[in-house]
N, C-alpha and C. Protein backbone atom coordinates (compact mmCIF):
# COMPACT_ATOMS: atom_id res chain seq x y z
N UNK A 1 10.37 7.15 -16.86
CA UNK A 1 10.07 6.46 -17.88
C UNK A 1 9.29 5.16 -17.49
N UNK A 2 8.23 5.05 -18.23
CA UNK A 2 7.23 4.01 -18.27
C UNK A 2 7.41 2.84 -19.29
N UNK A 3 7.86 1.76 -18.36
CA UNK A 3 8.15 0.51 -19.51
C UNK A 3 7.15 -0.13 -19.58
N UNK A 4 6.65 -0.88 -20.92
CA UNK A 4 5.50 -1.65 -21.15
C UNK A 4 6.35 -2.89 -21.75
N UNK A 5 5.94 -4.05 -21.29
CA UNK A 5 6.08 -5.50 -22.02
C UNK A 5 5.17 -5.50 -23.14
N UNK A 6 5.42 -5.28 -24.41
CA UNK A 6 4.56 -5.58 -25.57
C UNK A 6 5.34 -6.14 -26.66
N UNK A 7 4.56 -6.42 -27.93
CA UNK A 7 4.93 -6.95 -28.77
C UNK A 7 5.38 -5.92 -30.17
N UNK A 8 6.27 -6.53 -30.92
CA UNK A 8 6.89 -5.71 -32.13
C UNK A 8 6.93 -6.63 -32.98
N UNK A 9 6.77 -6.00 -34.13
CA UNK A 9 6.16 -6.96 -35.40
C UNK A 9 7.58 -7.02 -36.13
N UNK A 10 7.82 -8.13 -36.51
CA UNK A 10 9.06 -8.49 -37.14
C UNK A 10 8.58 -9.48 -38.48
N UNK A 11 7.83 -10.01 -38.75
CA UNK A 11 7.12 -11.21 -39.62
C UNK A 11 7.03 -10.22 -41.11
N UNK A 12 7.22 -11.16 -42.26
CA UNK A 12 6.51 -10.51 -43.48
C UNK A 12 5.12 -10.06 -43.50
N UNK A 13 4.78 -9.91 -44.75
CA UNK A 13 3.59 -9.68 -44.88
C UNK A 13 2.51 -10.70 -44.88
N UNK A 14 1.49 -11.08 -44.24
CA UNK A 14 0.81 -11.97 -44.12
C UNK A 14 1.46 -13.16 -43.58
N UNK A 15 2.41 -12.98 -43.03
CA UNK A 15 3.05 -13.90 -42.21
C UNK A 15 3.75 -13.16 -40.82
N UNK A 16 2.73 -12.90 -39.72
CA UNK A 16 3.21 -12.30 -38.78
C UNK A 16 4.17 -12.98 -37.62
N UNK A 17 5.25 -12.58 -37.22
CA UNK A 17 5.83 -12.99 -36.15
C UNK A 17 6.49 -12.00 -35.45
N UNK A 18 6.37 -11.96 -34.14
CA UNK A 18 6.54 -10.90 -33.07
C UNK A 18 7.78 -11.11 -32.19
N UNK A 19 8.42 -10.26 -31.30
CA UNK A 19 9.11 -10.00 -30.39
C UNK A 19 8.23 -9.61 -29.19
N UNK A 20 8.80 -10.24 -28.01
CA UNK A 20 8.32 -9.52 -26.75
C UNK A 20 9.37 -9.01 -26.23
N UNK A 21 8.99 -7.54 -25.87
CA UNK A 21 10.33 -6.72 -25.53
C UNK A 21 9.71 -5.80 -24.67
N UNK A 22 10.56 -5.31 -23.76
CA UNK A 22 10.52 -4.23 -22.97
C UNK A 22 11.19 -2.89 -23.62
N UNK A 23 10.01 -1.94 -23.54
CA UNK A 23 10.06 -0.90 -24.24
C UNK A 23 9.57 0.30 -23.36
N UNK A 24 10.03 1.66 -23.89
CA UNK A 24 9.52 2.67 -23.25
C UNK A 24 8.22 3.01 -23.66
N UNK A 25 7.44 3.41 -23.08
CA UNK A 25 5.97 3.54 -23.28
C UNK A 25 5.96 4.89 -24.64
N UNK A 26 6.58 5.65 -24.68
CA UNK A 26 6.92 6.63 -25.66
C UNK A 26 7.21 6.41 -27.07
N UNK A 27 7.74 5.31 -27.10
CA UNK A 27 8.40 4.84 -28.41
C UNK A 27 7.24 4.03 -29.18
N UNK A 28 7.71 3.84 -30.61
CA UNK A 28 6.33 3.39 -31.11
C UNK A 28 6.48 1.99 -31.22
N UNK A 29 5.60 1.31 -31.98
CA UNK A 29 5.49 -0.13 -31.64
C UNK A 29 6.96 -0.99 -32.47
N UNK A 30 7.39 -0.54 -33.21
CA UNK A 30 8.33 -1.20 -33.84
C UNK A 30 9.81 -0.48 -33.82
N UNK A 31 9.73 0.49 -32.84
CA UNK A 31 10.88 1.33 -32.39
C UNK A 31 11.86 0.77 -31.76
N UNK A 32 12.57 1.73 -30.79
CA UNK A 32 13.43 1.21 -29.97
C UNK A 32 12.75 0.38 -29.08
N UNK A 33 13.91 -0.46 -28.35
CA UNK A 33 13.63 -1.07 -27.22
C UNK A 33 14.43 -1.23 -26.39
N UNK A 34 14.32 -1.81 -25.26
CA UNK A 34 15.31 -1.81 -24.15
C UNK A 34 16.20 -3.23 -24.20
N UNK A 35 15.10 -4.17 -24.38
CA UNK A 35 15.48 -5.78 -23.87
C UNK A 35 14.53 -6.54 -24.60
N UNK A 36 14.88 -7.57 -25.40
CA UNK A 36 14.02 -8.62 -25.96
C UNK A 36 13.96 -9.76 -25.02
N UNK A 37 12.63 -9.92 -24.32
CA UNK A 37 12.40 -11.03 -23.80
C UNK A 37 11.93 -12.19 -24.23
N UNK A 38 11.54 -12.34 -25.29
CA UNK A 38 10.93 -13.42 -25.96
C UNK A 38 10.33 -13.38 -27.58
N UNK A 39 9.76 -14.43 -28.00
CA UNK A 39 9.22 -14.28 -29.19
C UNK A 39 8.06 -14.94 -29.52
N UNK A 40 7.09 -14.52 -30.32
CA UNK A 40 5.52 -15.21 -30.35
C UNK A 40 5.35 -15.42 -31.80
N UNK A 41 4.80 -16.68 -32.38
CA UNK A 41 4.43 -16.70 -33.54
C UNK A 41 3.05 -16.89 -33.59
N UNK A 42 2.06 -15.86 -33.79
CA UNK A 42 0.49 -16.22 -33.74
C UNK A 42 -0.12 -17.22 -34.62
N UNK A 43 0.50 -17.99 -35.44
CA UNK A 43 0.19 -19.04 -36.26
C UNK A 43 0.56 -20.27 -35.44
N UNK A 44 0.95 -20.40 -34.19
CA UNK A 44 1.00 -21.33 -33.70
C UNK A 44 0.31 -21.48 -32.24
N UNK A 45 0.07 -21.92 -31.29
CA UNK A 45 -0.38 -22.06 -29.95
C UNK A 45 0.39 -21.01 -28.90
N UNK A 46 -0.38 -20.26 -28.17
CA UNK A 46 0.36 -19.33 -27.14
C UNK A 46 1.30 -19.95 -26.33
N UNK A 47 1.29 -21.41 -26.24
CA UNK A 47 1.90 -22.15 -25.48
C UNK A 47 3.71 -22.39 -26.29
N UNK A 48 3.41 -22.05 -27.52
CA UNK A 48 4.69 -22.30 -28.09
C UNK A 48 5.55 -20.95 -28.23
N UNK A 49 5.34 -19.93 -27.46
CA UNK A 49 6.11 -18.91 -27.37
C UNK A 49 7.31 -19.18 -26.64
N UNK A 50 8.40 -18.43 -26.95
CA UNK A 50 9.52 -18.54 -26.10
C UNK A 50 9.84 -17.43 -25.37
N UNK A 51 10.13 -17.64 -24.19
CA UNK A 51 10.26 -16.54 -23.36
C UNK A 51 11.17 -16.76 -22.44
N UNK A 52 12.16 -15.56 -21.92
CA UNK A 52 13.20 -15.82 -21.05
C UNK A 52 12.23 -15.74 -19.60
N UNK A 53 12.22 -16.60 -18.77
CA UNK A 53 11.58 -16.31 -17.85
C UNK A 53 11.99 -15.39 -16.59
N UNK A 54 13.21 -15.59 -16.65
CA UNK A 54 14.08 -14.75 -15.50
C UNK A 54 13.67 -13.32 -15.89
N UNK A 55 14.11 -12.93 -17.28
CA UNK A 55 14.03 -11.40 -17.59
C UNK A 55 12.61 -11.10 -17.54
N UNK A 56 11.64 -11.82 -17.72
CA UNK A 56 10.05 -11.29 -17.71
C UNK A 56 9.65 -10.80 -16.33
N UNK A 57 10.04 -12.19 -15.33
CA UNK A 57 9.93 -11.61 -13.88
C UNK A 57 10.61 -10.37 -13.42
N UNK A 58 11.90 -10.37 -13.79
CA UNK A 58 12.70 -9.03 -13.35
C UNK A 58 11.80 -7.67 -13.95
N UNK A 59 11.63 -7.70 -15.32
CA UNK A 59 10.61 -6.51 -15.35
C UNK A 59 9.32 -6.28 -14.89
N UNK A 60 8.86 -7.37 -14.75
CA UNK A 60 7.59 -7.23 -13.87
C UNK A 60 7.58 -6.58 -12.17
N UNK A 61 8.65 -7.37 -11.93
CA UNK A 61 8.95 -6.54 -10.55
C UNK A 61 9.50 -5.52 -10.44
N UNK A 62 10.11 -4.93 -11.51
CA UNK A 62 10.32 -3.68 -11.39
C UNK A 62 9.25 -2.82 -11.87
N UNK A 63 8.28 -3.07 -12.09
CA UNK A 63 6.97 -2.18 -12.48
C UNK A 63 6.52 -2.27 -13.94
N UNK A 64 7.10 -2.96 -14.60
CA UNK A 64 6.83 -2.75 -16.37
C UNK A 64 5.22 -3.44 -16.49
N UNK A 65 4.57 -2.70 -17.34
CA UNK A 65 2.94 -3.13 -17.45
C UNK A 65 3.05 -3.69 -18.77
N UNK A 66 2.64 -5.14 -18.77
CA UNK A 66 2.44 -6.02 -20.04
C UNK A 66 0.97 -5.51 -20.49
N UNK A 67 1.37 -5.53 -22.00
CA UNK A 67 0.12 -5.65 -23.14
C UNK A 67 -0.95 -6.40 -22.65
N UNK A 68 -2.13 -6.50 -23.03
CA UNK A 68 -3.29 -7.33 -23.01
C UNK A 68 -2.59 -8.85 -23.47
N UNK A 69 -2.44 -8.45 -25.09
CA UNK A 69 -1.43 -10.13 -25.31
C UNK A 69 -0.42 -10.33 -24.71
N UNK A 70 0.71 -9.98 -24.28
CA UNK A 70 1.56 -10.28 -23.38
C UNK A 70 1.38 -10.78 -22.23
N UNK A 71 0.35 -10.13 -21.34
CA UNK A 71 -0.59 -10.98 -20.37
C UNK A 71 -1.11 -12.09 -20.66
N UNK A 72 -1.77 -12.46 -21.68
CA UNK A 72 -2.38 -13.81 -22.02
C UNK A 72 -1.12 -14.92 -22.27
N UNK A 73 0.09 -14.23 -23.05
CA UNK A 73 0.72 -15.12 -23.34
C UNK A 73 1.71 -15.75 -22.05
N UNK A 74 1.67 -14.50 -21.06
CA UNK A 74 2.41 -14.92 -19.99
C UNK A 74 1.48 -15.73 -18.95
N UNK A 75 0.30 -15.56 -18.94
CA UNK A 75 -0.45 -16.66 -18.32
C UNK A 75 -0.36 -17.76 -18.48
N UNK A 76 -0.30 -18.20 -20.30
CA UNK A 76 -0.44 -19.26 -20.70
C UNK A 76 0.82 -20.17 -20.32
N UNK A 77 1.79 -19.39 -19.80
CA UNK A 77 3.23 -19.98 -19.57
C UNK A 77 3.43 -20.07 -17.89
N UNK A 78 2.33 -19.49 -17.27
CA UNK A 78 2.73 -19.46 -15.86
C UNK A 78 3.47 -18.56 -15.27
N UNK A 79 3.96 -17.57 -15.80
CA UNK A 79 4.66 -16.73 -15.25
C UNK A 79 3.68 -15.47 -14.38
N UNK A 80 2.94 -15.06 -15.01
CA UNK A 80 2.02 -14.02 -14.16
C UNK A 80 1.73 -14.75 -12.53
N UNK A 81 1.45 -15.99 -12.99
CA UNK A 81 0.95 -16.83 -11.19
C UNK A 81 2.16 -16.80 -10.45
N UNK A 82 3.45 -16.97 -11.21
CA UNK A 82 4.68 -16.74 -10.43
C UNK A 82 5.15 -15.54 -9.96
N UNK A 83 4.77 -14.51 -10.65
CA UNK A 83 4.52 -13.44 -10.29
C UNK A 83 3.99 -12.86 -9.11
N UNK A 84 2.70 -13.21 -9.08
CA UNK A 84 1.76 -13.05 -8.33
C UNK A 84 2.22 -13.91 -6.90
N UNK A 85 2.62 -15.12 -6.95
CA UNK A 85 2.89 -15.74 -5.74
C UNK A 85 4.35 -15.11 -4.95
N UNK A 86 5.23 -14.39 -5.85
CA UNK A 86 6.28 -13.86 -5.23
C UNK A 86 5.95 -12.50 -4.64
N UNK A 87 4.90 -11.83 -5.07
CA UNK A 87 4.50 -10.69 -4.80
C UNK A 87 4.13 -10.96 -3.12
N UNK A 88 3.29 -11.91 -2.76
CA UNK A 88 2.70 -12.33 -1.75
C UNK A 88 3.33 -12.84 -0.73
N UNK A 89 4.51 -13.60 -1.24
CA UNK A 89 5.72 -13.95 -0.09
C UNK A 89 6.13 -12.55 0.38
N UNK A 90 6.42 -11.77 -0.44
CA UNK A 90 7.06 -10.45 0.36
C UNK A 90 6.35 -9.92 1.63
């Protein structure tokens, strides 16, 4: 099972709002997911996203691949840097 960290849309028409979820890559964008790890409102700054850091780092360490947008959100919050530093310490 290949796990992806990606966005799933829950907002209304012309008012997007997304959840950051860990999901099997075979499921549809708004389909089943394993765990919700955050939320993102594109009408605000990237740093305004709410993220569970421990869950995000846990999924990254297990080999989950973030989408491009999720990677940018994680980079803005310093999660990607923290993940890479933890890999270097091992």
